[in-house]
Amino acid sequence: MTDASAAELRAEIVKRARALYELENQPRPFVPGETHIPYSGRVFDGSEVEAMVASALDAWVTAGPYAAEFERSLAAYTGARAAVFVNSGSSANLLALSACTSPRLDGALQPGDEVITPAAGFPTTVSPIAQVGCVPVFVDVEMGTYNPDPESVERAIGPRTRAIMAAHMLGNPFDANAYRKIADRHGLFLIEDTCDGLGATLGGRMAGTIGHFGTLSFYPAHQMTTGEGGAVLCRDPAARKIVESFRDWGRDCWCEPGKDNTCGKRFDWQLGQLPHGYDHKYIYSHLGYNLKATDLQAALGIAQLRRVPQFVARRRHNFAALAETLAPHADVLVLPRSIATAQPSWFGFPITVRAAASFTKNDFVAFLEQRKIATRSLFGGNLLRQPAWQGRAHRVAGSLDNSDTIATSTFLIGVYPGIDDERLAYMQATLRDFLESRRR
């Protein structure tokens, strides 16, 4: 078979794979009250399938050229100095905090050091703190933003505090610029968990690029997907090398997959107590993991990243429509709000039922679920109430009353791009039906 015919065959396979996907995934009619409306999910067209099939035909089953291209494209989109592709957003959080323990960084975290974090949120924002041997200091969040205000963060700082690790809750940015000033003033690391918020901005700057590290998740519920997958956003090349080392078994070598001797002195190193000339590809400078992603995932990511601006725009459109529908009911509901400098990239629409309401969160959720509108709790609620945190070392700074309220009274509904105008109108009508019936 000639090279020309091989290229033609490849093109035909990719073309037919796209045609098959589009044939088998034609839009189905929406039936109000019967068609399920998820809170989130992947949004594909044939371009994602083309990308994955093209990658599969290369048979590069680990990270390779697509991964390198995806990292470059992601860094360019976010404005980060570098992006490191990993196998999940949770792994990204673990790697970002682990990087802060590296002896190559000034003021590296030590076992027993404290890390300030919100009490309400997703567990893998907090789990890495214990996993690297540090102690979480839990602070409460504000109702409406569902983020800690900067003053509460600064009040929580103690003599052993060395870092702040917080999530931009539901893609609604916390005041990362104020947090960064606090961190710089006290010599702390700042890690922005931006797993819910790709595309969110603060004063025109992308969330996730203001702290020392930022993290992203590409699980299907988020703004784009690689299936499983995530990334760490880094402030400089040195930080990137540290994150890559922890991701890649802890090795000191920074050669890309399939390459040797990038440094030009592979057999001329002397590190630790190893003999001079020990193979640099097998020198380990950190206690690392294997948290790499694959080229097929990266190929999907490249296709999805091109569509992120339209995905984010649709999320904002859906959010605004739901906010307008619920605005007349602010006396019985706490509605979401943002700080002045933020442009959120909404993951979902959070609703808190006020104590004065004639109904409960469970009443509201049951009504929506019965009408095929999916709901979710606001992640783990007050994480200190979770079984995993019973008996574990921690400190609490101030009251956690709002985090407790979130556990009992807050839920979210979807705004993802799969919610088209027809589904959105049904959601609005259903919300009105419930709320107006409770006022009669």
Protein backbone atom coordinates (compact mmCIF):
# COMPACT_ATOMS: atom_id res chain seq x y z
CA MET A 1 0.00 0.00 0.00
CA THR A 2 1.42 3.40 -0.98
CA ASP A 3 1.70 6.36 1.34
CA ALA A 4 -0.97 8.15 -0.72
CA SER A 5 -3.43 5.29 -0.43
CA ALA A 6 -2.72 4.97 3.32
CA ALA A 7 -3.52 8.65 3.80
CA GLU A 8 -6.69 8.26 1.76
CA LEU A 9 -7.77 5.24 3.80
CA ARG A 10 -7.10 7.10 7.03
CA ALA A 11 -9.18 10.07 5.87
CA GLU A 12 -12.00 7.74 4.85
CA ILE A 13 -12.01 6.00 8.27
CA VAL A 14 -12.18 9.31 10.10
CA LYS A 15 -14.91 10.62 7.80
CA ARG A 16 -17.03 7.50 8.18
CA ALA A 17 -16.60 7.45 11.96
CA ARG A 18 -17.98 10.98 12.11
CA ALA A 19 -20.87 10.07 9.81
CA LEU A 20 -21.72 7.03 11.97
CA TYR A 21 -21.69 9.08 15.16
CA GLU A 22 -23.93 11.76 13.68
CA LEU A 23 -26.32 9.13 12.30
CA GLU A 24 -26.65 7.37 15.66
CA ASN A 25 -26.86 10.55 17.71
CA GLN A 26 -29.48 12.62 15.95
CA PRO A 27 -31.41 14.94 18.28
CA ARG A 28 -34.45 13.36 19.84
CA PRO A 29 -37.65 15.31 20.39
CA PHE A 30 -38.08 16.87 23.81
CA VAL A 31 -41.22 15.72 25.64
CA PRO A 32 -41.99 17.97 28.65
CA GLY A 33 -42.29 15.95 31.83
CA GLU A 34 -40.97 12.79 30.17
CA THR A 35 -37.55 13.71 28.77
CA HIS A 36 -34.93 13.80 31.52
CA ILE A 37 -32.98 17.07 31.82
CA PRO A 38 -29.56 16.32 33.38
CA TYR A 39 -27.85 18.87 35.58
CA SER A 40 -24.82 18.61 33.28
CA GLY A 41 -23.10 16.40 30.73
CA ARG A 42 -20.87 16.27 27.70
CA VAL A 43 -21.81 18.11 24.51
CA PHE A 44 -20.33 16.55 21.38
CA ASP A 45 -20.66 16.82 17.65
CA GLY A 46 -18.75 14.89 15.01
CA SER A 47 -15.55 16.89 15.50
CA GLU A 48 -14.81 15.21 18.84
CA VAL A 49 -15.26 11.76 17.29
CA GLU A 50 -12.99 12.69 14.38
CA ALA A 51 -10.30 13.80 16.82
CA MET A 52 -10.48 10.63 18.92
CA VAL A 53 -10.44 8.30 15.90
CA ALA A 54 -7.50 10.15 14.35
CA SER A 55 -5.60 9.77 17.61
CA ALA A 56 -6.53 6.09 17.92
CA LEU A 57 -5.17 5.44 14.41
CA ASP A 58 -1.80 6.74 15.59
CA ALA A 59 -1.85 3.97 18.26
CA TRP A 60 -0.03 6.27 20.68
CA VAL A 61 -1.59 4.88 23.84
CA THR A 62 0.20 7.10 26.36
CA ALA A 63 0.75 10.87 26.34
CA GLY A 64 2.35 12.09 23.11
CA PRO A 65 2.03 14.80 20.43
CA TYR A 66 -1.65 15.52 21.06
CA ALA A 67 -0.97 15.94 24.80
CA ALA A 68 1.81 18.44 24.09
CA GLU A 69 -0.43 20.38 21.69
CA PHE A 70 -3.30 20.38 24.18
CA GLU A 71 -1.07 21.73 26.95
CA ARG A 72 0.13 24.56 24.70
CA SER A 73 -3.41 25.41 23.58
CA LEU A 74 -4.74 25.33 27.15
CA ALA A 75 -1.97 27.62 28.39
CA ALA A 76 -2.69 30.03 25.54
CA TYR A 77 -6.43 30.05 26.23
CA THR A 78 -6.07 30.64 29.96
CA GLY A 79 -3.09 32.96 29.81
CA ALA A 80 -1.07 30.69 32.11
CA ARG A 81 2.68 30.39 31.62
CA ALA A 82 2.32 26.60 31.38
CA ALA A 83 -0.31 23.87 31.67
CA VAL A 84 0.32 20.27 32.73
CA PHE A 85 -2.24 17.70 31.53
CA VAL A 86 -3.15 15.04 34.12
CA ASN A 87 -5.69 12.26 34.56
CA SER A 88 -8.29 14.16 36.63
CA GLY A 89 -9.08 17.42 38.36
CA SER A 90 -8.68 15.68 41.71
CA SER A 91 -5.18 14.61 40.69
CA ALA A 92 -4.50 18.19 39.61
CA ASN A 93 -5.36 19.38 43.13
CA LEU A 94 -3.12 16.73 44.67
CA LEU A 95 -0.25 17.67 42.36
CA ALA A 96 -0.61 21.41 42.93
CA LEU A 97 -0.43 21.02 46.70
CA SER A 98 2.30 18.37 46.46
CA ALA A 99 4.35 20.81 44.39
CA CYS A 100 4.22 23.21 47.34
CA THR A 101 6.09 20.59 49.40
CA SER A 102 9.04 20.53 46.99
CA PRO A 103 12.37 21.55 48.53
CA ARG A 104 12.99 23.44 45.28
CA LEU A 105 10.48 26.09 46.37
CA ASP A 106 11.16 28.67 49.06
CA GLY A 107 8.98 28.12 52.13
CA ALA A 108 7.97 24.63 51.10
CA LEU A 109 5.16 23.02 53.07
CA GLN A 110 6.21 20.74 55.91
CA PRO A 111 4.20 18.02 57.70
CA GLY A 112 1.92 19.66 60.25
CA ASP A 113 1.70 22.99 58.42
CA GLU A 114 -1.77 24.49 58.02
CA VAL A 115 -3.72 25.15 54.82
CA ILE A 116 -6.81 27.38 54.91
CA THR A 117 -9.76 25.99 52.93
CA PRO A 118 -13.57 26.38 52.76
CA ALA A 119 -15.65 23.99 54.86
CA ALA A 120 -18.31 23.73 52.13
CA GLY A 121 -17.37 22.23 48.79
CA PHE A 122 -16.05 19.23 46.93
CA PRO A 123 -13.92 16.79 48.95
CA THR A 124 -10.90 16.68 46.67
CA THR A 125 -10.25 20.37 47.25
CA VAL A 126 -9.52 19.41 50.86
CA SER A 127 -8.34 15.79 50.76
CA PRO A 128 -4.87 16.65 49.39
CA ILE A 129 -4.18 18.74 52.48
CA ALA A 130 -4.34 15.63 54.67
CA GLN A 131 -2.71 13.47 51.99
CA VAL A 132 0.48 15.58 52.02
CA GLY A 133 0.56 15.57 55.84
CA CYS A 134 -0.79 19.08 56.46
CA VAL A 135 -3.71 20.27 58.59
CA PRO A 136 -6.78 21.93 57.04
CA VAL A 137 -8.11 25.10 58.63
CA PHE A 138 -11.80 25.31 57.78
CA VAL A 139 -13.50 28.67 57.19
CA ASP A 140 -17.12 29.38 56.40
CA VAL A 141 -18.49 30.67 53.10
CA GLU A 142 -20.87 33.50 52.28
CA MET A 143 -24.41 32.67 51.24
CA GLY A 144 -25.02 33.54 47.61
CA THR A 145 -21.39 33.50 46.46
CA TYR A 146 -20.67 30.25 48.36
CA ASN A 147 -17.04 31.39 48.71
CA PRO A 148 -15.15 32.63 51.80
CA ASP A 149 -14.74 36.39 51.99
CA PRO A 150 -11.11 37.57 52.13
CA GLU A 151 -11.44 38.91 55.67
CA SER A 152 -12.40 35.49 57.05
CA VAL A 153 -9.43 33.95 55.27
CA GLU A 154 -7.00 36.45 56.78
CA ARG A 155 -8.50 36.04 60.26
CA ALA A 156 -7.88 32.29 60.03
CA ILE A 157 -4.11 32.64 59.60
CA GLY A 158 -2.11 31.20 62.47
CA PRO A 159 1.60 30.71 63.20
CA ARG A 160 1.76 27.45 61.19
CA THR A 161 -0.37 28.58 58.24
CA ARG A 162 1.52 28.18 54.98
CA ALA A 163 -1.10 28.03 52.21
CA ILE A 164 -4.63 28.82 51.05
CA MET A 165 -6.44 26.29 48.86
CA ALA A 166 -9.94 27.26 47.76
CA ALA A 167 -12.33 26.49 44.91
CA HIS A 168 -14.12 28.96 42.68
CA MET A 169 -17.44 27.49 43.75
CA LEU A 170 -19.62 26.45 40.80
CA GLY A 171 -17.47 28.57 38.49
CA ASN A 172 -18.28 31.70 40.52
CA PRO A 173 -14.87 33.24 41.30
CA PHE A 174 -13.76 34.11 44.79
CA ASP A 175 -11.76 37.33 45.09
CA ALA A 176 -8.48 35.74 44.02
CA ASN A 177 -6.74 39.11 43.75
CA ALA A 178 -7.52 39.87 47.40
CA TYR A 179 -6.52 36.33 48.37
CA ARG A 180 -3.21 36.76 46.51
CA LYS A 181 -2.46 39.99 48.38
CA ILE A 182 -3.13 38.18 51.66
CA ALA A 183 -0.91 35.29 50.56
CA ASP A 184 1.94 37.59 49.56
CA ARG A 185 1.64 39.62 52.76
CA HIS A 186 1.94 36.49 54.93
CA GLY A 187 4.26 34.41 52.75
CA LEU A 188 1.64 31.80 51.81
CA PHE A 189 1.03 29.70 48.73
CA LEU A 190 -2.31 30.25 46.96
CA ILE A 191 -3.88 27.41 44.99
CA GLU A 192 -7.00 28.15 42.93
CA ASP A 193 -9.16 25.10 42.42
CA THR A 194 -10.82 26.14 39.16
CA CYS A 195 -12.20 22.69 38.37
CA ASP A 196 -15.75 24.08 38.13
CA GLY A 197 -14.84 27.29 36.36
CA LEU A 198 -12.87 27.11 33.12
CA GLY A 199 -13.56 30.39 31.32
CA ALA A 200 -14.40 32.43 34.43
CA THR A 201 -12.56 35.74 34.77
CA LEU A 202 -11.64 38.30 37.42
CA GLY A 203 -11.04 41.77 36.07
CA GLY A 204 -10.50 40.24 32.65
CA ARG A 205 -7.92 37.74 33.88
CA MET A 206 -8.71 34.03 33.81
CA ALA A 207 -9.49 32.41 37.13
CA GLY A 208 -6.78 29.89 37.92
CA THR A 209 -3.91 32.13 36.83
CA ILE A 210 -3.74 34.53 39.79
CA GLY A 211 -2.47 32.16 42.48
CA HIS A 212 0.76 30.19 42.53
CA PHE A 213 -1.07 27.25 40.95
CA GLY A 214 -4.49 26.74 39.39
CA THR A 215 -6.28 23.49 38.66
CA LEU A 216 -8.89 22.37 36.12
CA SER A 217 -11.13 19.34 35.69
CA PHE A 218 -12.29 17.93 32.37
CA TYR A 219 -14.81 15.45 33.76
CA PRO A 220 -17.95 15.45 31.55
CA ALA A 221 -19.91 17.63 33.98
CA HIS A 222 -17.54 20.57 33.47
CA GLN A 223 -17.19 23.27 30.81
CA MET A 224 -15.33 20.87 28.49
CA THR A 225 -14.35 17.24 28.74
CA THR A 226 -11.58 14.80 27.96
CA GLY A 227 -13.59 12.03 29.63
CA GLU A 228 -11.43 11.74 32.70
CA GLY A 229 -8.78 14.43 32.85
CA GLY A 230 -7.55 17.64 34.40
CA ALA A 231 -4.69 20.13 34.36
CA VAL A 232 -2.44 22.20 36.59
CA LEU A 233 -1.81 25.79 35.55
CA CYS A 234 1.67 27.00 36.51
CA ARG A 235 3.17 30.44 36.94
CA ASP A 236 6.63 29.66 35.50
CA PRO A 237 8.71 26.89 33.88
CA ALA A 238 10.36 25.92 37.17
CA ALA A 239 6.96 25.29 38.77
CA ARG A 240 5.93 23.28 35.73
CA LYS A 241 8.94 20.99 36.10
CA ILE A 242 8.06 20.34 39.74
CA VAL A 243 4.45 19.46 38.88
CA GLU A 244 5.59 17.21 36.02
CA SER A 245 8.03 15.48 38.36
CA PHE A 246 5.30 14.66 40.87
CA ARG A 247 3.01 13.56 38.03
CA ASP A 248 5.66 11.34 36.42
CA TRP A 249 6.71 9.06 39.30
CA GLY A 250 8.76 11.83 40.97
CA ARG A 251 11.52 11.59 38.40
CA ASP A 252 14.06 14.36 37.93
CA CYS A 253 14.25 13.91 34.16
CA TRP A 254 12.07 16.23 32.06
CA CYS A 255 12.39 14.48 28.68
CA GLU A 256 9.11 14.22 26.77
CA PRO A 257 7.76 10.70 26.09
CA GLY A 258 9.87 8.83 23.57
CA LYS A 259 12.81 11.26 23.88
CA ASP A 260 16.19 10.93 25.59
CA ASN A 261 18.93 13.29 26.72
CA THR A 262 17.03 16.58 26.40
CA CYS A 263 19.40 18.06 28.99
CA GLY A 264 22.47 16.98 26.97
CA LYS A 265 24.08 15.29 29.97
CA ARG A 266 21.95 12.24 30.69
CA PHE A 267 24.95 10.31 32.08
CA ASP A 268 26.69 13.25 33.71
CA TRP A 269 24.51 13.95 36.75
CA GLN A 270 25.23 13.46 40.45
CA LEU A 271 22.19 13.86 42.69
CA GLY A 272 21.44 12.54 46.15
CA GLN A 273 23.84 9.77 47.11
CA LEU A 274 23.78 8.12 43.69
CA PRO A 275 27.05 7.54 41.85
CA HIS A 276 28.12 10.17 39.33
CA GLY A 277 26.75 9.41 35.87
CA TYR A 278 23.67 7.54 37.05
CA ASP A 279 21.06 7.52 34.26
CA HIS A 280 19.07 10.76 34.68
CA LYS A 281 15.90 9.03 33.43
CA TYR A 282 15.97 6.98 36.63
CA ILE A 283 16.76 9.67 39.17
CA TYR A 284 13.82 10.63 41.42
CA SER A 285 13.75 13.99 43.16
CA HIS A 286 10.23 13.79 44.65
CA LEU A 287 7.93 11.17 46.14
CA GLY A 288 5.71 11.12 43.10
CA TYR A 289 2.83 9.33 41.42
CA ASN A 290 1.80 8.25 37.96
CA LEU A 291 -1.04 10.63 37.14
CA LYS A 292 -0.54 11.06 33.40
CA ALA A 293 -3.33 11.24 30.84
CA THR A 294 -3.33 9.79 27.31
CA ASP A 295 -3.05 11.18 23.81
CA LEU A 296 -6.57 10.07 22.93
CA GLN A 297 -7.91 12.17 25.83
CA ALA A 298 -5.79 15.10 24.67
CA ALA A 299 -7.13 14.82 21.12
CA LEU A 300 -10.65 15.07 22.51
CA GLY A 301 -9.53 18.01 24.63
CA ILE A 302 -8.18 19.92 21.62
CA ALA A 303 -11.53 19.58 19.85
CA GLN A 304 -13.50 20.59 22.95
CA LEU A 305 -11.25 23.54 23.84
CA ARG A 306 -12.13 25.22 20.54
CA ARG A 307 -15.77 25.23 21.64
CA VAL A 308 -15.30 26.46 25.22
CA PRO A 309 -16.20 30.11 24.45
CA GLN A 310 -19.58 29.09 23.02
CA PHE A 311 -20.12 26.59 25.86
CA VAL A 312 -19.44 29.27 28.47
CA ALA A 313 -21.70 31.76 26.67
CA ARG A 314 -24.56 29.26 26.70
CA ARG A 315 -24.06 28.53 30.40
CA ARG A 316 -24.25 32.26 31.12
CA HIS A 317 -27.38 32.58 28.95
CA ASN A 318 -29.14 29.75 30.78
CA PHE A 319 -28.05 31.10 34.15
CA ALA A 320 -29.41 34.57 33.36
CA ALA A 321 -32.77 33.15 32.28
CA LEU A 322 -33.15 31.13 35.48
CA ALA A 323 -32.07 34.11 37.59
CA GLU A 324 -34.77 36.25 35.97
CA THR A 325 -37.39 33.56 36.65
CA LEU A 326 -36.45 33.22 40.31
CA ALA A 327 -35.84 36.91 41.09
CA PRO A 328 -39.45 37.54 42.29
CA HIS A 329 -38.97 34.84 44.92
CA ALA A 330 -35.87 36.23 46.64
CA ASP A 331 -37.84 36.53 49.87
CA VAL A 332 -37.96 32.72 50.17
CA LEU A 333 -34.81 31.81 48.22
CA VAL A 334 -31.17 32.86 48.51
CA LEU A 335 -30.19 33.48 44.90
CA PRO A 336 -26.60 33.33 43.63
CA ARG A 337 -24.50 36.46 43.32
CA SER A 338 -20.98 37.36 42.23
CA ILE A 339 -18.38 39.91 43.27
CA ALA A 340 -18.17 43.02 41.10
CA THR A 341 -14.99 42.09 39.21
CA ALA A 342 -16.08 38.52 38.37
CA GLN A 343 -17.48 37.06 35.17
CA PRO A 344 -18.50 33.55 36.24
CA SER A 345 -18.44 30.48 34.04
CA TRP A 346 -21.37 28.83 35.75
CA PHE A 347 -21.25 25.11 36.53
CA GLY A 348 -24.82 25.12 37.82
CA PHE A 349 -27.49 27.33 39.37
CA PRO A 350 -27.45 27.13 43.20
CA ILE A 351 -30.65 27.68 45.17
CA THR A 352 -30.91 27.95 48.97
CA VAL A 353 -34.34 27.71 50.58
CA ARG A 354 -34.67 30.30 53.34
CA ALA A 355 -35.84 29.28 56.80
CA ALA A 356 -38.90 31.52 56.43
CA ALA A 357 -40.17 29.63 53.37
CA SER A 358 -43.30 27.49 53.60
CA PHE A 359 -41.44 24.59 51.99
CA THR A 360 -38.12 22.82 52.38
CA LYS A 361 -35.25 21.98 50.08
CA ASN A 362 -36.51 18.40 50.00
CA ASP A 363 -39.98 19.57 48.91
CA PHE A 364 -38.49 21.61 46.07
CA VAL A 365 -36.10 18.87 44.96
CA ALA A 366 -38.83 16.21 44.98
CA PHE A 367 -41.06 18.41 42.79
CA LEU A 368 -38.28 19.00 40.23
CA GLU A 369 -37.09 15.40 40.16
CA GLN A 370 -40.66 14.16 39.67
CA ARG A 371 -40.83 16.39 36.61
CA LYS A 372 -37.56 14.98 35.24
CA ILE A 373 -35.37 17.98 36.11
CA ALA A 374 -32.18 16.70 37.72
CA THR A 375 -30.89 18.29 40.91
CA ARG A 376 -27.70 17.93 42.92
CA SER A 377 -26.66 18.88 46.43
CA LEU A 378 -23.96 21.52 46.66
CA PHE A 379 -21.30 18.83 46.65
CA GLY A 380 -20.31 17.65 50.14
CA GLY A 381 -22.09 20.36 52.12
CA ASN A 382 -20.15 20.98 55.32
CA LEU A 383 -17.27 18.58 54.76
CA LEU A 384 -16.61 18.29 58.49
CA ARG A 385 -19.94 16.44 58.77
CA GLN A 386 -18.76 13.83 56.27
CA PRO A 387 -17.66 10.38 57.54
CA ALA A 388 -14.21 10.76 56.00
CA TRP A 389 -13.37 13.70 58.27
CA GLN A 390 -14.43 12.19 61.55
CA GLY A 391 -11.42 12.02 63.87
CA ARG A 392 -8.99 13.67 61.44
CA ALA A 393 -6.72 16.54 62.43
CA HIS A 394 -8.12 19.96 61.55
CA ARG A 395 -8.78 23.43 62.91
CA VAL A 396 -11.94 25.52 62.59
CA ALA A 397 -11.67 29.30 62.31
CA GLY A 398 -14.97 30.92 63.31
CA SER A 399 -18.51 29.69 62.88
CA LEU A 400 -19.48 27.24 60.11
CA ASP A 401 -23.18 28.14 60.25
CA ASN A 402 -23.49 28.86 56.52
CA SER A 403 -21.79 25.60 55.61
CA ASP A 404 -24.34 23.79 57.79
CA THR A 405 -27.16 25.68 56.09
CA ILE A 406 -25.82 24.60 52.70
CA ALA A 407 -25.94 20.97 53.84
CA THR A 408 -29.61 21.24 54.77
CA SER A 409 -31.06 23.84 52.43
CA THR A 410 -29.02 24.23 49.21
CA PHE A 411 -29.21 22.41 45.88
CA LEU A 412 -28.42 23.17 42.26
CA ILE A 413 -29.96 22.70 38.83
CA GLY A 414 -28.27 22.66 35.46
CA VAL A 415 -27.22 25.40 33.06
CA TYR A 416 -25.01 23.32 30.76
CA PRO A 417 -25.09 23.82 26.96
CA GLY A 418 -27.24 20.72 26.41
CA ILE A 419 -30.13 22.71 27.89
CA ASP A 420 -31.56 24.34 24.77
CA ASP A 421 -34.30 26.96 24.64
CA GLU A 422 -37.10 24.36 24.71
CA ARG A 423 -35.73 22.63 27.80
CA LEU A 424 -34.91 25.96 29.43
CA ALA A 425 -38.49 27.19 28.98
CA TYR A 426 -39.80 24.00 30.57
CA MET A 427 -37.45 24.43 33.53
CA GLN A 428 -38.61 28.04 34.00
CA ALA A 429 -42.27 27.05 33.85
CA THR A 430 -41.72 24.24 36.36
CA LEU A 431 -39.92 26.54 38.80
CA ARG A 432 -42.77 29.05 38.56
CA ASP A 433 -45.38 26.32 39.05
CA PHE A 434 -43.79 25.17 42.29
CA LEU A 435 -43.10 28.59 43.77
CA GLU A 436 -46.41 30.18 42.83
CA SER A 437 -48.35 27.18 44.15
CA ARG A 438 -46.65 27.63 47.55
CA ARG A 439 -47.80 31.25 47.78
CA ARG A 440 -51.52 30.50 47.39
